[in-house]
């Protein structure tokens, strides 16, 4: 079923709500009240509920949008000249950007219970896996990990970022561990 076409003002309000929700969820995760999101967006609570029937629906829309952006970036990197550096750069960017956003941390670690079964989650996994496979074929990444391992490593790095005293130290160790012996630098 196709989504209904929104009027221009409704599209603007939806975009405001999504931007405000991304900002609020980044800091507080699902704990942020919808009234606070409406206040940040400069709209009434009714506007938020017209576009998103629940806080969980809004949360999922925000995370799905970001996962779609990550998937798009991974697909673009599939033609990069250096598959290894494309993979490692992508891995580090995902961890770095998601570590600053509690909502993304929860979604990528799949700790929310919302189960991002949306196509965006599948696209993110598939694009990340393709990037990994290409880097492995080039001999840059060890061959004994797969897409499930990659998801677990991302979730682990996000947890490490939350609790590590030295920025990026543990992520660098994980990245070094992913490199094949002949590609250690």
N, C-alpha and C. Protein backbone atom coordinates (compact mmCIF):
# COMPACT_ATOMS: atom_id res chain seq x y z
N UNK A 1 0.84 -1.17 0.00
CA UNK A 1 0.00 0.00 0.00
C UNK A 1 0.89 1.24 0.00
N UNK A 2 0.64 2.16 -0.90
CA UNK A 2 1.42 3.38 -1.00
C UNK A 2 1.08 4.32 0.15
N UNK A 3 2.09 5.08 0.59
CA UNK A 3 1.87 6.09 1.62
C UNK A 3 1.13 7.26 1.00
N UNK A 4 0.22 7.89 1.76
CA UNK A 4 -0.48 9.06 1.21
C UNK A 4 0.50 10.21 1.04
N UNK A 5 0.25 11.03 0.03
CA UNK A 5 1.09 12.20 -0.23
C UNK A 5 0.69 13.29 0.75
N UNK A 6 1.67 13.83 1.45
CA UNK A 6 1.41 14.86 2.45
C UNK A 6 1.44 16.24 1.83
N UNK A 7 0.64 17.14 2.37
CA UNK A 7 0.70 18.53 1.97
C UNK A 7 2.06 19.08 2.35
N UNK A 8 2.44 20.21 1.74
CA UNK A 8 3.75 20.80 2.00
C UNK A 8 3.94 21.14 3.47
N UNK A 9 2.94 21.72 4.12
CA UNK A 9 3.08 22.08 5.54
C UNK A 9 3.18 20.83 6.41
N UNK A 10 2.45 19.79 6.05
CA UNK A 10 2.53 18.54 6.80
C UNK A 10 3.91 17.89 6.64
N UNK A 11 4.48 17.98 5.42
CA UNK A 11 5.83 17.45 5.20
C UNK A 11 6.85 18.21 6.04
N UNK A 12 6.71 19.54 6.07
CA UNK A 12 7.62 20.37 6.88
C UNK A 12 7.51 20.01 8.36
N UNK A 13 6.28 19.87 8.84
CA UNK A 13 6.09 19.52 10.25
C UNK A 13 6.65 18.14 10.56
N UNK A 14 6.46 17.20 9.66
CA UNK A 14 7.00 15.84 9.87
C UNK A 14 8.52 15.90 9.93
N UNK A 15 9.12 16.67 9.03
CA UNK A 15 10.58 16.81 9.03
C UNK A 15 11.07 17.46 10.32
N UNK A 16 10.34 18.47 10.81
CA UNK A 16 10.72 19.12 12.08
C UNK A 16 10.66 18.12 13.23
N UNK A 17 9.59 17.33 13.24
CA UNK A 17 9.43 16.34 14.31
C UNK A 17 10.56 15.30 14.25
N UNK A 18 10.87 14.82 13.05
CA UNK A 18 11.96 13.84 12.91
C UNK A 18 13.30 14.41 13.36
N UNK A 19 13.59 15.66 12.98
CA UNK A 19 14.85 16.28 13.39
C UNK A 19 14.91 16.47 14.90
N UNK A 20 13.81 16.92 15.48
CA UNK A 20 13.77 17.11 16.94
C UNK A 20 13.89 15.76 17.66
N UNK A 21 13.22 14.76 17.13
CA UNK A 21 13.28 13.43 17.74
C UNK A 21 14.69 12.85 17.66
N UNK A 22 15.35 13.04 16.52
CA UNK A 22 16.71 12.54 16.39
C UNK A 22 17.60 13.18 17.45
N UNK A 23 17.46 14.49 17.62
CA UNK A 23 18.25 15.21 18.63
C UNK A 23 17.93 14.70 20.04
N UNK A 24 16.65 14.57 20.36
CA UNK A 24 16.25 14.15 21.70
C UNK A 24 16.60 12.69 21.97
N UNK A 25 16.33 11.80 21.02
CA UNK A 25 16.64 10.39 21.20
C UNK A 25 18.15 10.16 21.30
N UNK A 26 18.93 10.98 20.62
CA UNK A 26 20.39 10.84 20.68
C UNK A 26 20.88 10.99 22.11
N UNK A 27 20.24 11.86 22.86
CA UNK A 27 20.66 12.13 24.23
C UNK A 27 20.00 11.18 25.22
N UNK A 28 18.69 11.02 25.11
CA UNK A 28 17.93 10.31 26.14
C UNK A 28 17.36 8.95 25.72
N UNK A 29 17.54 8.55 24.48
CA UNK A 29 16.94 7.30 24.03
C UNK A 29 15.43 7.38 24.15
N UNK A 30 14.80 6.26 24.45
CA UNK A 30 13.35 6.21 24.54
C UNK A 30 12.78 6.91 25.77
N UNK A 31 13.62 7.37 26.67
CA UNK A 31 13.15 8.02 27.90
C UNK A 31 12.55 9.41 27.64
N UNK A 32 12.85 10.02 26.52
CA UNK A 32 12.37 11.38 26.25
C UNK A 32 10.86 11.37 26.01
N UNK A 33 10.13 12.28 26.68
CA UNK A 33 8.67 12.35 26.46
C UNK A 33 8.34 12.96 25.08
N UNK A 34 7.24 12.53 24.50
CA UNK A 34 6.82 13.07 23.21
C UNK A 34 6.53 14.57 23.29
N UNK A 35 6.05 15.03 24.44
CA UNK A 35 5.80 16.47 24.60
C UNK A 35 7.10 17.26 24.47
N UNK A 36 8.20 16.71 24.93
CA UNK A 36 9.49 17.38 24.81
C UNK A 36 9.93 17.44 23.35
N UNK A 37 9.68 16.38 22.61
CA UNK A 37 10.01 16.37 21.18
C UNK A 37 9.17 17.41 20.45
N UNK A 38 7.89 17.50 20.79
CA UNK A 38 7.02 18.51 20.18
C UNK A 38 7.54 19.92 20.49
N UNK A 39 7.97 20.15 21.74
CA UNK A 39 8.50 21.45 22.12
C UNK A 39 9.75 21.80 21.32
N UNK A 40 10.67 20.85 21.19
CA UNK A 40 11.91 21.07 20.43
C UNK A 40 11.58 21.36 18.97
N UNK A 41 10.59 20.66 18.43
CA UNK A 41 10.21 20.83 17.03
C UNK A 41 9.42 22.11 16.79
N UNK A 42 8.89 22.69 17.86
CA UNK A 42 8.09 23.90 17.70
C UNK A 42 6.69 23.61 17.15
N UNK A 43 6.19 22.42 17.48
CA UNK A 43 4.84 22.04 17.04
C UNK A 43 4.06 21.54 18.25
N UNK A 44 2.77 21.39 18.08
CA UNK A 44 1.94 20.85 19.15
C UNK A 44 2.07 19.34 19.24
N UNK A 45 1.72 18.81 20.42
CA UNK A 45 1.78 17.36 20.61
C UNK A 45 0.88 16.62 19.63
N UNK A 46 -0.26 17.25 19.28
CA UNK A 46 -1.18 16.63 18.31
C UNK A 46 -0.52 16.41 16.96
N UNK A 47 0.35 17.35 16.57
CA UNK A 47 1.07 17.20 15.29
C UNK A 47 1.97 15.98 15.33
N UNK A 48 2.63 15.77 16.46
CA UNK A 48 3.51 14.60 16.60
C UNK A 48 2.68 13.34 16.47
N UNK A 49 1.55 13.28 17.18
CA UNK A 49 0.72 12.07 17.16
C UNK A 49 0.05 11.83 15.81
N UNK A 50 -0.22 12.90 15.04
CA UNK A 50 -0.80 12.71 13.71
C UNK A 50 0.17 11.98 12.78
N UNK A 51 1.45 12.26 12.94
CA UNK A 51 2.46 11.63 12.07
C UNK A 51 2.97 10.30 12.63
N UNK A 52 2.99 10.19 13.96
CA UNK A 52 3.56 9.00 14.60
C UNK A 52 2.64 8.58 15.74
N UNK A 53 1.99 7.43 15.61
CA UNK A 53 0.99 7.02 16.60
C UNK A 53 1.55 6.71 17.99
N UNK A 54 2.86 6.50 18.07
CA UNK A 54 3.47 6.19 19.36
C UNK A 54 4.92 6.66 19.37
N UNK A 55 5.47 6.73 20.55
CA UNK A 55 6.88 7.10 20.68
C UNK A 55 7.76 6.06 19.99
N UNK A 56 7.37 4.80 20.10
CA UNK A 56 8.14 3.73 19.47
C UNK A 56 8.14 3.87 17.95
N UNK A 57 7.01 4.29 17.38
CA UNK A 57 6.94 4.50 15.93
C UNK A 57 7.85 5.65 15.51
N UNK A 58 7.88 6.71 16.29
CA UNK A 58 8.77 7.83 16.00
C UNK A 58 10.22 7.42 16.15
N UNK A 59 10.53 6.70 17.21
CA UNK A 59 11.89 6.20 17.44
C UNK A 59 12.34 5.35 16.26
N UNK A 60 11.48 4.45 15.84
CA UNK A 60 11.82 3.57 14.72
C UNK A 60 12.04 4.38 13.44
N UNK A 61 11.22 5.39 13.19
CA UNK A 61 11.38 6.22 11.99
C UNK A 61 12.73 6.93 11.99
N UNK A 62 13.13 7.44 13.15
CA UNK A 62 14.43 8.13 13.26
C UNK A 62 15.58 7.16 13.01
N UNK A 63 15.52 6.00 13.63
CA UNK A 63 16.61 5.03 13.49
C UNK A 63 16.65 4.46 12.08
N UNK A 64 15.48 4.17 11.51
CA UNK A 64 15.43 3.64 10.14
C UNK A 64 16.05 4.63 9.17
N UNK A 65 15.78 5.92 9.35
CA UNK A 65 16.37 6.94 8.48
C UNK A 65 17.89 6.89 8.56
N UNK A 66 18.44 6.78 9.76
CA UNK A 66 19.90 6.75 9.92
C UNK A 66 20.48 5.45 9.37
N UNK A 67 19.80 4.34 9.59
CA UNK A 67 20.28 3.07 9.03
C UNK A 67 20.28 3.10 7.51
N UNK A 68 19.28 3.75 6.92
CA UNK A 68 19.25 3.90 5.46
C UNK A 68 20.44 4.72 4.97
N UNK A 69 20.80 5.76 5.73
CA UNK A 69 21.97 6.56 5.37
C UNK A 69 23.25 5.72 5.45
N UNK A 70 23.39 4.94 6.51
CA UNK A 70 24.56 4.06 6.64
C UNK A 70 24.62 3.05 5.49
N UNK A 71 23.48 2.45 5.17
CA UNK A 71 23.43 1.46 4.08
C UNK A 71 23.83 2.09 2.76
N UNK A 72 23.32 3.29 2.51
CA UNK A 72 23.68 4.00 1.28
C UNK A 72 25.17 4.28 1.20
N UNK A 73 25.75 4.69 2.32
CA UNK A 73 27.19 4.94 2.35
C UNK A 73 27.97 3.65 2.07
N UNK A 74 27.55 2.55 2.68
CA UNK A 74 28.24 1.28 2.45
C UNK A 74 28.16 0.86 0.99
N UNK A 75 26.99 1.03 0.38
CA UNK A 75 26.84 0.67 -1.04
C UNK A 75 27.74 1.53 -1.92
N UNK A 76 27.85 2.83 -1.61
CA UNK A 76 28.74 3.70 -2.38
C UNK A 76 30.20 3.26 -2.25
N UNK A 77 30.57 2.77 -1.08
CA UNK A 77 31.96 2.35 -0.84
C UNK A 77 32.31 1.04 -1.53
N UNK A 78 31.32 0.34 -2.06
CA UNK A 78 31.59 -0.93 -2.75
C UNK A 78 32.43 -0.75 -4.01
N UNK A 79 32.53 0.46 -4.50
CA UNK A 79 33.35 0.72 -5.68
C UNK A 79 34.66 1.44 -5.33
N UNK A 80 34.94 1.56 -4.04
CA UNK A 80 36.16 2.25 -3.62
C UNK A 80 37.39 1.51 -4.13
N UNK A 81 38.43 2.25 -4.42
CA UNK A 81 39.66 1.67 -4.95
C UNK A 81 40.32 0.72 -3.95
N UNK A 82 40.29 1.06 -2.67
CA UNK A 82 40.91 0.23 -1.63
C UNK A 82 39.80 -0.36 -0.75
N UNK A 83 39.40 -1.61 -1.01
CA UNK A 83 38.29 -2.21 -0.26
C UNK A 83 38.55 -2.30 1.24
N UNK A 84 39.79 -2.54 1.63
CA UNK A 84 40.11 -2.64 3.05
C UNK A 84 39.92 -1.33 3.77
N UNK A 85 40.48 -0.28 3.22
CA UNK A 85 40.35 1.02 3.87
C UNK A 85 38.91 1.52 3.82
N UNK A 86 38.18 1.17 2.77
CA UNK A 86 36.75 1.53 2.69
C UNK A 86 36.00 0.84 3.83
N UNK A 87 36.26 -0.44 4.04
CA UNK A 87 35.60 -1.18 5.12
C UNK A 87 35.96 -0.61 6.48
N UNK A 88 37.26 -0.46 6.75
CA UNK A 88 37.69 0.01 8.07
C UNK A 88 37.20 1.43 8.34
N UNK A 89 37.24 2.29 7.33
CA UNK A 89 36.73 3.65 7.50
C UNK A 89 35.24 3.64 7.83
N UNK A 90 34.48 2.81 7.11
CA UNK A 90 33.05 2.70 7.35
C UNK A 90 32.78 2.18 8.76
N UNK A 91 33.47 1.12 9.14
CA UNK A 91 33.30 0.53 10.47
C UNK A 91 33.52 1.58 11.56
N UNK A 92 34.62 2.32 11.44
CA UNK A 92 34.95 3.33 12.45
C UNK A 92 33.92 4.46 12.46
N UNK A 93 33.44 4.89 11.28
CA UNK A 93 32.44 5.96 11.21
C UNK A 93 31.13 5.53 11.84
N UNK A 94 30.69 4.31 11.56
CA UNK A 94 29.45 3.82 12.15
C UNK A 94 29.56 3.84 13.67
N UNK A 95 30.66 3.31 14.19
CA UNK A 95 30.84 3.27 15.64
C UNK A 95 30.92 4.69 16.20
N UNK A 96 31.68 5.54 15.56
CA UNK A 96 31.86 6.91 16.05
C UNK A 96 30.53 7.66 16.06
N UNK A 97 29.78 7.61 14.96
CA UNK A 97 28.53 8.34 14.88
C UNK A 97 27.46 7.74 15.78
N UNK A 98 27.38 6.43 15.82
CA UNK A 98 26.37 5.79 16.66
C UNK A 98 26.68 5.94 18.15
N UNK A 99 27.96 6.00 18.50
CA UNK A 99 28.30 6.12 19.93
C UNK A 99 27.85 7.45 20.50
N UNK A 100 27.65 8.44 19.65
CA UNK A 100 27.17 9.75 20.10
C UNK A 100 25.65 9.82 20.10
N UNK A 101 24.99 8.72 19.75
CA UNK A 101 23.55 8.72 19.60
C UNK A 101 22.97 7.48 20.29
N UNK A 102 22.40 7.70 21.45
CA UNK A 102 21.89 6.58 22.25
C UNK A 102 20.88 5.74 21.49
N UNK A 103 20.03 6.39 20.70
CA UNK A 103 19.02 5.65 19.94
C UNK A 103 19.68 4.69 18.96
N UNK A 104 20.71 5.16 18.26
CA UNK A 104 21.41 4.29 17.32
C UNK A 104 22.16 3.17 18.04
N UNK A 105 22.76 3.49 19.17
CA UNK A 105 23.43 2.46 19.97
C UNK A 105 22.46 1.34 20.29
N UNK A 106 21.30 1.73 20.81
CA UNK A 106 20.29 0.74 21.18
C UNK A 106 19.84 -0.08 19.99
N UNK A 107 19.61 0.59 18.86
CA UNK A 107 19.13 -0.11 17.67
C UNK A 107 20.19 -1.04 17.10
N UNK A 108 21.42 -0.55 16.98
CA UNK A 108 22.47 -1.38 16.40
C UNK A 108 22.82 -2.55 17.32
N UNK A 109 22.68 -2.34 18.62
CA UNK A 109 22.93 -3.42 19.56
C UNK A 109 21.68 -4.28 19.75
N UNK A 110 20.59 -3.85 19.12
CA UNK A 110 19.30 -4.54 19.20
C UNK A 110 18.88 -4.77 20.65
N UNK A 111 19.00 -3.71 21.47
CA UNK A 111 18.63 -3.81 22.87
C UNK A 111 17.29 -3.17 23.16
N UNK A 112 16.63 -2.59 22.18
CA UNK A 112 15.39 -1.86 22.43
C UNK A 112 14.18 -2.78 22.52
N UNK A 113 14.28 -3.98 22.00
CA UNK A 113 13.12 -4.85 21.97
C UNK A 113 12.16 -4.52 20.84
N UNK A 114 12.46 -3.48 20.08
CA UNK A 114 11.58 -3.09 18.98
C UNK A 114 11.85 -3.94 17.74
N UNK A 115 12.97 -4.62 17.69
CA UNK A 115 13.27 -5.51 16.59
C UNK A 115 13.20 -4.84 15.24
N UNK A 116 14.22 -4.13 14.86
CA UNK A 116 14.22 -3.39 13.60
C UNK A 116 14.23 -4.35 12.42
N UNK A 117 13.05 -4.90 12.15
CA UNK A 117 12.89 -5.84 11.05
C UNK A 117 12.58 -5.09 9.77
N UNK A 118 12.55 -3.78 9.86
CA UNK A 118 12.26 -2.96 8.68
C UNK A 118 13.32 -3.21 7.63
N UNK A 119 12.98 -2.89 6.42
CA UNK A 119 13.91 -3.11 5.32
C UNK A 119 15.22 -2.36 5.54
N UNK A 120 15.18 -1.23 6.25
CA UNK A 120 16.41 -0.46 6.50
C UNK A 120 17.41 -1.27 7.30
N UNK A 121 16.94 -2.00 8.29
CA UNK A 121 17.84 -2.84 9.07
C UNK A 121 18.46 -3.93 8.22
N UNK A 122 17.64 -4.53 7.37
CA UNK A 122 18.14 -5.57 6.47
C UNK A 122 19.10 -4.98 5.44
N UNK A 123 18.78 -3.80 4.92
CA UNK A 123 19.66 -3.14 3.96
C UNK A 123 21.00 -2.81 4.59
N UNK A 124 20.98 -2.31 5.83
CA UNK A 124 22.22 -1.99 6.53
C UNK A 124 23.07 -3.24 6.69
N UNK A 125 22.45 -4.33 7.13
CA UNK A 125 23.19 -5.59 7.31
C UNK A 125 23.76 -6.09 5.98
N UNK A 126 22.94 -6.06 4.93
CA UNK A 126 23.39 -6.56 3.62
C UNK A 126 24.51 -5.70 3.05
N UNK A 127 24.38 -4.38 3.15
CA UNK A 127 25.41 -3.50 2.61
C UNK A 127 26.71 -3.62 3.41
N UNK A 128 26.59 -3.73 4.72
CA UNK A 128 27.78 -3.91 5.57
C UNK A 128 28.47 -5.23 5.26
N UNK A 129 27.66 -6.27 5.09
CA UNK A 129 28.19 -7.60 4.75
C UNK A 129 28.90 -7.56 3.40
N UNK A 130 28.32 -6.89 2.42
CA UNK A 130 28.95 -6.79 1.10
C UNK A 130 30.29 -6.06 1.19
N UNK A 131 30.34 -5.02 1.99
CA UNK A 131 31.59 -4.28 2.19
C UNK A 131 32.63 -5.17 2.86
N UNK A 132 32.19 -5.92 3.86
CA UNK A 132 33.09 -6.87 4.55
C UNK A 132 33.60 -7.93 3.57
N UNK A 133 32.70 -8.52 2.81
CA UNK A 133 33.07 -9.58 1.88
C UNK A 133 34.08 -9.07 0.84
N UNK A 134 33.86 -7.88 0.34
CA UNK A 134 34.79 -7.29 -0.64
C UNK A 134 36.16 -7.06 -0.02
N UNK A 135 36.20 -6.58 1.23
CA UNK A 135 37.47 -6.35 1.91
C UNK A 135 38.17 -7.68 2.20
N UNK A 136 37.41 -8.70 2.52
CA UNK A 136 37.99 -10.02 2.74
C UNK A 136 38.57 -10.58 1.44
N UNK A 137 37.85 -10.42 0.35
CA UNK A 137 38.33 -10.90 -0.95
C UNK A 137 39.62 -10.21 -1.36
N UNK A 138 39.79 -8.96 -0.92
CA UNK A 138 41.02 -8.21 -1.23
C UNK A 138 42.15 -8.57 -0.28
N UNK A 139 41.86 -9.42 0.71
CA UNK A 139 42.90 -9.82 1.66
C UNK A 139 43.15 -8.82 2.78
N UNK A 140 42.26 -7.87 2.95
CA UNK A 140 42.46 -6.83 3.97
C UNK A 140 41.85 -7.18 5.32
N UNK A 141 40.81 -8.01 5.30
CA UNK A 141 40.11 -8.37 6.52
C UNK A 141 40.15 -9.88 6.69
N UNK A 142 40.39 -10.31 7.90
CA UNK A 142 40.44 -11.75 8.17
C UNK A 142 39.16 -12.44 7.70
N UNK A 143 39.29 -13.67 7.27
CA UNK A 143 38.17 -14.37 6.64
C UNK A 143 37.30 -15.14 7.63
N UNK A 144 37.67 -15.17 8.89
CA UNK A 144 36.92 -15.98 9.84
C UNK A 144 35.81 -15.20 10.57
N UNK A 145 35.38 -14.07 10.00
CA UNK A 145 34.21 -13.39 10.54
C UNK A 145 33.16 -13.26 9.44
N UNK A 146 31.92 -13.17 9.87
CA UNK A 146 30.82 -13.00 8.92
C UNK A 146 29.96 -11.82 9.34
N UNK A 147 28.84 -11.65 8.68
CA UNK A 147 27.96 -10.52 8.96
C UNK A 147 27.44 -10.50 10.38
N UNK A 148 27.12 -11.68 10.94
CA UNK A 148 26.66 -11.74 12.33
C UNK A 148 27.77 -11.32 13.28
N UNK A 149 28.99 -11.75 12.98
CA UNK A 149 30.13 -11.33 13.80
C UNK A 149 30.33 -9.82 13.70
N UNK A 150 30.16 -9.29 12.51
CA UNK A 150 30.33 -7.85 12.30
C UNK A 150 29.32 -7.07 13.13
N UNK A 151 28.06 -7.50 13.13
CA UNK A 151 27.04 -6.84 13.95
C UNK A 151 27.43 -6.90 15.42
N UNK A 152 27.89 -8.05 15.88
CA UNK A 152 28.30 -8.19 17.28
C UNK A 152 29.50 -7.30 17.60
N UNK A 153 30.43 -7.20 16.66
CA UNK A 153 31.60 -6.34 16.88
C UNK A 153 31.20 -4.86 16.95
N UNK A 154 30.26 -4.46 16.10
CA UNK A 154 29.78 -3.08 16.16
C UNK A 154 29.11 -2.82 17.51
N UNK A 155 28.25 -3.74 17.94
CA UNK A 155 27.58 -3.59 19.24
C UNK A 155 28.60 -3.56 20.37
N UNK A 156 29.61 -4.42 20.29
CA UNK A 156 30.65 -4.44 21.32
C UNK A 156 31.44 -3.15 21.35
N UNK A 157 31.77 -2.62 20.18
CA UNK A 157 32.50 -1.36 20.12
C UNK A 157 31.67 -0.21 20.67
N UNK A 158 30.36 -0.24 20.42
CA UNK A 158 29.50 0.80 20.96
C UNK A 158 29.49 0.74 22.49
N UNK A 159 29.44 -0.46 23.04
CA UNK A 159 29.51 -0.60 24.50
C UNK A 159 30.86 -0.12 25.01
N UNK A 160 31.93 -0.47 24.30
CA UNK A 160 33.27 -0.05 24.71
C UNK A 160 33.39 1.47 24.70
N UNK A 161 32.79 2.10 23.69
CA UNK A 161 32.83 3.56 23.61
C UNK A 161 32.13 4.20 24.80
N UNK A 162 31.07 3.57 25.25
CA UNK A 162 30.33 4.12 26.40
C UNK A 162 31.14 4.04 27.69
N UNK A 163 31.95 2.99 27.83
CA UNK A 163 32.61 2.74 29.11
C UNK A 163 34.12 2.95 29.10
N UNK A 164 34.69 3.20 27.96
CA UNK A 164 36.14 3.36 27.85
C UNK A 164 36.55 4.75 28.33
N UNK A 165 37.63 4.80 29.07
CA UNK A 165 38.15 6.08 29.54
C UNK A 165 38.96 6.78 28.46
N UNK A 166 39.59 6.00 27.59
CA UNK A 166 40.42 6.58 26.53
C UNK A 166 39.67 6.47 25.21
N UNK A 167 39.35 7.62 24.62
CA UNK A 167 38.57 7.62 23.38
C UNK A 167 39.23 6.80 22.27
N UNK A 168 38.42 5.99 21.63
CA UNK A 168 38.77 5.22 20.43
C UNK A 168 39.85 4.16 20.64
N UNK A 169 40.39 4.04 21.83
CA UNK A 169 41.45 3.08 22.09
C UNK A 169 40.98 1.64 21.83
N UNK A 170 39.85 1.28 22.40
CA UNK A 170 39.37 -0.09 22.26
C UNK A 170 38.87 -0.36 20.84
N UNK A 171 38.28 0.62 20.20
CA UNK A 171 37.85 0.45 18.81
C UNK A 171 39.06 0.22 17.92
N UNK A 172 40.14 0.94 18.17
CA UNK A 172 41.38 0.74 17.39
C UNK A 172 41.89 -0.69 17.57
N UNK A 173 41.80 -1.21 18.78
CA UNK A 173 42.25 -2.59 19.04
C UNK A 173 41.38 -3.57 18.26
N UNK A 174 40.07 -3.36 18.24
CA UNK A 174 39.18 -4.24 17.48
C UNK A 174 39.51 -4.17 15.99
N UNK A 175 39.68 -2.96 15.48
CA UNK A 175 40.01 -2.79 14.06
C UNK A 175 41.33 -3.48 13.74
N UNK A 176 42.32 -3.32 14.60
CA UNK A 176 43.60 -4.00 14.38
C UNK A 176 43.40 -5.52 14.36
N UNK A 177 42.52 -6.03 15.21
CA UNK A 177 42.25 -7.47 15.25
C UNK A 177 41.53 -7.99 14.02
N UNK A 178 40.84 -7.12 13.31
CA UNK A 178 40.13 -7.52 12.10
C UNK A 178 41.06 -7.62 10.88
N UNK A 179 42.17 -6.93 10.95
CA UNK A 179 43.09 -6.93 9.81
C UNK A 179 43.77 -8.29 9.68
N UNK A 180 44.04 -8.67 8.43
CA UNK A 180 44.82 -9.88 8.22
C UNK A 180 46.25 -9.59 8.65
N UNK A 181 47.01 -10.62 8.96
CA UNK A 181 48.38 -10.41 9.43
C UNK A 181 49.21 -9.66 8.41
N UNK A 182 49.01 -9.93 7.15
CA UNK A 182 49.84 -9.25 6.13
C UNK A 182 49.46 -7.79 5.95
N UNK A 183 48.29 -7.37 6.50
CA UNK A 183 47.84 -6.00 6.36
C UNK A 183 47.92 -5.20 7.65
N UNK A 184 48.60 -5.72 8.66
CA UNK A 184 48.74 -4.97 9.90
C UNK A 184 49.63 -3.76 9.67
N UNK A 185 49.17 -2.64 10.25
CA UNK A 185 49.95 -1.42 10.11
C UNK A 185 50.22 -0.81 11.47
